[in-house]
Amino acid sequence: MSRREGFSTKALALFSGGKDSTLAICEAVQSGIEVVGLLSIIPETEDSWMFHVPNVEWTHLQAKAMELPFHRFQVKGRKEEEVKELEEILKKLKKEMEFDGVVSGAIDSVYQKSRIDAVCERLRLKSISPLWRRDAKELLKKVISEGFEVYIVGVFAEGFDESWLGRRLDEKLVEKLVKLGEKYGIHLCGEGGEYETFVCDCPLFKRKIVIMEVEKLWRRSWGVLRVKKAALI
């Protein structure tokens, strides 16, 4: 995080429910930033270029676990158009609540970060990306060492099969991801959409999430694990 980003005291976090956006919030809080709310964007289509899709409808439960105000909006999910929609959403929220920065979980995606940066600049907000350009393997190790409970809920790239769905992220799984990265060139954190995750627990959660019922959908070379029932304990 740059020194300029560190000046933000109140920030709204873009939140998908996956490990990257959750870790970014943790890192922001640890740096002294006050996260005043979570913003989840739900695309109408499943091929959004900007926003995570699998199980995003459960982000409200994760927000409850963190005891943070929660905001959810739907967008069309079309390339570039969804960026304009994000800008309108942030503009609306800026009138309703006080924040001067936006936290995102971008790591290496110039496409994602450049567009968030541009939106923030137009709205005179600071774009805060705590994970930007950090080593992907080290980020995965950090997620594990800090006690995150993370599950794979979507796989969309060559090298993955149905057995990955529902697996918890641990050191053995990280090594398997490393091998897939070497063989197929996937991003270790799945930032290219190779896989998606769902967080059931992390240091910011006051209560953890227990997944009680799931539905596994597999279509030849890709699949998702849809959470059907979950609760806080």
Protein backbone atom coordinates (compact mmCIF):
# COMPACT_ATOMS: atom_id res chain seq x y z
CA MET A 1 0.00 0.00 0.00
CA SER A 2 1.37 3.43 -0.87
CA ARG A 3 1.76 6.21 1.68
CA ARG A 4 -0.92 8.16 -0.16
CA GLU A 5 -3.39 5.29 0.30
CA GLY A 6 -2.54 5.08 3.97
CA PHE A 7 -3.95 8.55 4.61
CA SER A 8 -7.52 7.29 4.18
CA THR A 9 -9.30 6.97 7.50
CA LYS A 10 -12.73 5.76 6.39
CA ALA A 11 -13.26 3.37 3.51
CA LEU A 12 -15.97 1.35 1.85
CA ALA A 13 -14.80 -2.14 0.83
CA LEU A 14 -15.72 -3.88 -2.39
CA PHE A 15 -16.63 -7.33 -1.13
CA SER A 16 -17.25 -10.56 -3.04
CA GLY A 17 -17.11 -13.05 -0.18
CA GLY A 18 -13.91 -14.59 -1.52
CA LYS A 19 -10.47 -14.75 0.07
CA ASP A 20 -8.89 -11.80 -1.79
CA SER A 21 -11.47 -9.15 -0.92
CA THR A 22 -11.63 -10.49 2.65
CA LEU A 23 -7.85 -10.42 3.08
CA ALA A 24 -7.75 -6.90 1.61
CA ILE A 25 -10.21 -5.74 4.29
CA CYS A 26 -8.13 -7.39 7.02
CA GLU A 27 -4.97 -5.71 5.72
CA ALA A 28 -6.70 -2.34 5.47
CA VAL A 29 -7.95 -2.58 9.06
CA GLN A 30 -4.50 -3.64 10.27
CA SER A 31 -3.01 -0.56 8.59
CA GLY A 32 -5.33 1.74 10.57
CA ILE A 33 -8.07 2.29 8.02
CA GLU A 34 -11.63 2.28 9.35
CA VAL A 35 -13.77 0.12 7.09
CA VAL A 36 -17.24 1.63 7.42
CA GLY A 37 -19.15 -0.80 5.24
CA LEU A 38 -19.10 -3.57 2.65
CA LEU A 39 -20.35 -3.23 -0.92
CA SER A 40 -21.28 -6.36 -2.85
CA ILE A 41 -22.04 -6.16 -6.55
CA ILE A 42 -24.18 -8.90 -8.08
CA PRO A 43 -23.88 -9.22 -11.87
CA GLU A 44 -26.92 -10.38 -13.83
CA THR A 45 -24.62 -12.49 -16.03
CA GLU A 46 -22.06 -15.06 -14.89
CA ASP A 47 -19.25 -13.80 -17.14
CA SER A 48 -18.60 -10.48 -15.42
CA TRP A 49 -15.12 -9.03 -16.04
CA MET A 50 -15.11 -7.08 -12.78
CA PHE A 51 -17.08 -8.95 -10.14
CA HIS A 52 -17.02 -12.38 -8.50
CA VAL A 53 -20.19 -14.43 -9.04
CA PRO A 54 -20.41 -17.79 -7.17
CA ASN A 55 -22.26 -17.47 -3.85
CA VAL A 56 -22.10 -13.66 -3.79
CA GLU A 57 -25.69 -13.77 -2.52
CA TRP A 58 -24.28 -14.96 0.83
CA THR A 59 -22.13 -11.89 1.43
CA HIS A 60 -24.83 -10.48 3.70
CA LEU A 61 -24.08 -13.32 6.16
CA GLN A 62 -20.36 -12.58 6.02
CA ALA A 63 -21.11 -8.91 6.69
CA LYS A 64 -23.09 -9.97 9.77
CA ALA A 65 -20.13 -12.07 10.88
CA MET A 66 -17.93 -8.95 10.65
CA GLU A 67 -20.64 -6.75 12.16
CA LEU A 68 -20.27 -4.23 9.34
CA PRO A 69 -22.95 -2.29 7.44
CA PHE A 70 -23.78 -4.05 4.19
CA HIS A 71 -24.80 -2.68 0.80
CA ARG A 72 -25.76 -4.82 -2.19
CA PHE A 73 -26.52 -3.73 -5.73
CA GLN A 74 -27.18 -5.57 -8.97
CA VAL A 75 -25.48 -4.65 -12.25
CA LYS A 76 -25.92 -5.92 -15.79
CA GLY A 77 -22.44 -7.46 -15.80
CA ARG A 78 -21.54 -6.29 -19.30
CA LYS A 79 -17.93 -5.27 -19.95
CA GLU A 80 -17.32 -1.53 -19.32
CA GLU A 81 -21.01 -0.89 -18.66
CA GLU A 82 -20.62 -2.48 -15.22
CA VAL A 83 -17.82 -0.01 -14.46
CA LYS A 84 -20.20 2.89 -15.11
CA GLU A 85 -22.77 1.20 -12.90
CA LEU A 86 -20.19 0.86 -10.10
CA GLU A 87 -19.45 4.57 -10.38
CA GLU A 88 -23.14 5.45 -10.04
CA ILE A 89 -23.47 3.16 -7.02
CA LEU A 90 -20.47 4.72 -5.28
CA LYS A 91 -21.75 8.20 -6.10
CA LYS A 92 -25.10 7.32 -4.50
CA LEU A 93 -23.50 5.82 -1.38
CA LYS A 94 -21.15 8.79 -1.03
CA LYS A 95 -24.22 11.00 -0.56
CA GLU A 96 -25.63 8.67 2.09
CA MET A 97 -22.56 7.85 4.18
CA GLU A 98 -19.12 9.20 5.01
CA PHE A 99 -16.08 7.57 3.41
CA ASP A 100 -13.07 8.83 1.50
CA GLY A 101 -11.61 5.59 0.15
CA VAL A 102 -12.52 2.32 -1.54
CA VAL A 103 -10.78 -0.95 -0.65
CA SER A 104 -10.43 -3.64 -3.33
CA GLY A 105 -8.74 -7.03 -3.46
CA ALA A 106 -6.92 -6.54 -6.77
CA ILE A 107 -3.57 -8.34 -6.91
CA ASP A 108 -2.28 -8.37 -10.50
CA SER A 109 -5.31 -7.51 -12.63
CA VAL A 110 -4.50 -4.22 -14.34
CA TYR A 111 -7.93 -4.39 -15.99
CA GLN A 112 -9.71 -4.41 -12.63
CA LYS A 113 -7.46 -2.03 -10.72
CA SER A 114 -7.17 0.60 -13.48
CA ARG A 115 -10.94 0.86 -13.72
CA ILE A 116 -11.46 1.07 -9.97
CA ASP A 117 -8.69 3.69 -9.81
CA ALA A 118 -10.36 5.73 -12.55
CA VAL A 119 -13.78 5.58 -10.88
CA CYS A 120 -12.27 6.64 -7.55
CA GLU A 121 -10.36 9.50 -9.15
CA ARG A 122 -13.53 10.86 -10.76
CA LEU A 123 -15.34 10.67 -7.41
CA ARG A 124 -12.38 12.09 -5.46
CA LEU A 125 -11.94 8.88 -3.49
CA LYS A 126 -8.72 7.07 -2.67
CA SER A 127 -8.30 3.68 -4.32
CA ILE A 128 -6.86 1.34 -1.67
CA SER A 129 -5.42 -1.97 -2.88
CA PRO A 130 -3.52 -3.61 0.00
CA LEU A 131 -2.70 -6.76 -2.01
CA TRP A 132 -1.51 -5.05 -5.19
CA ARG A 133 1.55 -6.68 -6.82
CA ARG A 134 2.25 -8.86 -3.80
CA ASP A 135 3.48 -12.42 -4.28
CA ALA A 136 0.47 -14.68 -4.85
CA LYS A 137 1.91 -17.71 -3.06
CA GLU A 138 2.80 -15.59 -0.03
CA LEU A 139 -0.76 -14.22 0.05
CA LEU A 140 -2.17 -17.75 0.06
CA LYS A 141 0.19 -18.70 2.88
CA LYS A 142 -0.90 -15.60 4.80
CA VAL A 143 -4.56 -16.56 4.43
CA ILE A 144 -3.77 -19.98 5.93
CA SER A 145 -1.44 -18.76 8.69
CA GLU A 146 -3.96 -16.15 9.87
CA GLY A 147 -6.64 -18.79 10.34
CA PHE A 148 -8.93 -18.12 7.40
CA GLU A 149 -11.41 -20.89 6.64
CA VAL A 150 -11.70 -20.80 2.87
CA TYR A 151 -13.38 -23.21 0.46
CA ILE A 152 -13.15 -23.62 -3.31
CA VAL A 153 -16.62 -22.93 -4.74
CA GLY A 154 -15.89 -22.59 -8.45
CA VAL A 155 -13.32 -23.90 -10.95
CA PHE A 156 -13.14 -22.63 -14.51
CA ALA A 157 -9.72 -23.46 -15.96
CA GLU A 158 -7.78 -26.33 -17.48
CA GLY A 159 -6.23 -28.60 -14.86
CA PHE A 160 -9.12 -28.45 -12.40
CA ASP A 161 -11.68 -31.21 -12.01
CA GLU A 162 -14.81 -31.81 -9.96
CA SER A 163 -12.81 -33.00 -6.94
CA TRP A 164 -11.65 -29.43 -6.27
CA LEU A 165 -15.15 -28.22 -5.43
CA GLY A 166 -15.69 -27.89 -1.69
CA ARG A 167 -12.05 -28.38 -0.74
CA ARG A 168 -10.62 -26.24 2.03
CA LEU A 169 -7.60 -24.10 1.23
CA ASP A 170 -4.59 -25.48 3.10
CA GLU A 171 -0.86 -25.89 2.51
CA LYS A 172 -1.30 -29.08 0.46
CA LEU A 173 -3.83 -27.38 -1.78
CA VAL A 174 -1.49 -24.41 -2.26
CA GLU A 175 1.22 -26.78 -3.51
CA LYS A 176 -1.27 -28.30 -5.95
CA LEU A 177 -2.14 -24.81 -7.17
CA VAL A 178 1.57 -24.11 -7.66
CA LYS A 179 1.86 -27.22 -9.85
CA LEU A 180 -1.19 -26.16 -11.87
CA GLY A 181 0.37 -22.74 -12.26
CA GLU A 182 3.58 -24.24 -13.59
CA LYS A 183 1.75 -26.54 -16.00
CA TYR A 184 -1.16 -24.40 -17.18
CA GLY A 185 -0.18 -20.85 -16.25
CA ILE A 186 -3.05 -20.16 -13.86
CA HIS A 187 -2.81 -17.27 -11.41
CA LEU A 188 -2.18 -18.84 -8.00
CA CYS A 189 -4.87 -16.72 -6.36
CA GLY A 190 -7.29 -17.33 -9.23
CA GLU A 191 -7.43 -13.67 -10.15
CA GLY A 192 -7.94 -14.53 -13.79
CA GLY A 193 -11.18 -16.30 -12.84
CA GLU A 194 -9.53 -19.73 -12.77
CA TYR A 195 -11.18 -20.53 -9.45
CA GLU A 196 -13.39 -18.84 -6.87
CA THR A 197 -13.55 -19.11 -3.08
CA PHE A 198 -15.90 -18.53 -0.16
CA VAL A 199 -14.74 -17.44 3.31
CA CYS A 200 -16.41 -19.02 6.35
CA ASP A 201 -14.10 -17.57 8.98
CA CYS A 202 -11.28 -15.04 9.36
CA PRO A 203 -9.79 -12.79 12.08
CA LEU A 204 -12.45 -10.11 11.47
CA PHE A 205 -15.39 -12.49 11.91
CA LYS A 206 -17.05 -12.28 15.32
CA ARG A 207 -18.89 -15.51 14.47
CA LYS A 208 -18.06 -18.15 11.88
CA ILE A 209 -20.24 -19.43 9.07
CA VAL A 210 -21.25 -23.06 8.88
CA ILE A 211 -22.31 -24.34 5.47
CA MET A 212 -25.22 -26.72 5.98
CA GLU A 213 -26.32 -27.59 2.46
CA VAL A 214 -24.68 -27.31 -0.96
CA GLU A 215 -25.45 -28.14 -4.57
CA LYS A 216 -22.65 -29.22 -6.87
CA LEU A 217 -22.98 -28.35 -10.56
CA TRP A 218 -20.46 -29.77 -13.04
CA ARG A 219 -20.44 -28.98 -16.77
CA ARG A 220 -17.70 -30.90 -18.65
CA SER A 221 -14.72 -28.69 -17.81
CA TRP A 222 -16.00 -26.29 -15.15
CA GLY A 223 -18.19 -26.34 -12.11
CA VAL A 224 -19.55 -24.50 -9.09
CA LEU A 225 -20.53 -25.38 -5.56
CA ARG A 226 -23.62 -23.39 -4.67
CA VAL A 227 -24.31 -22.77 -1.01
CA LYS A 228 -27.98 -23.57 -0.42
CA LYS A 229 -28.11 -23.21 3.36
CA ALA A 230 -25.70 -21.59 5.83
CA ALA A 231 -25.78 -20.12 9.32
CA LEU A 232 -23.70 -18.14 11.81
CA ILE A 233 -22.55 -19.84 15.00
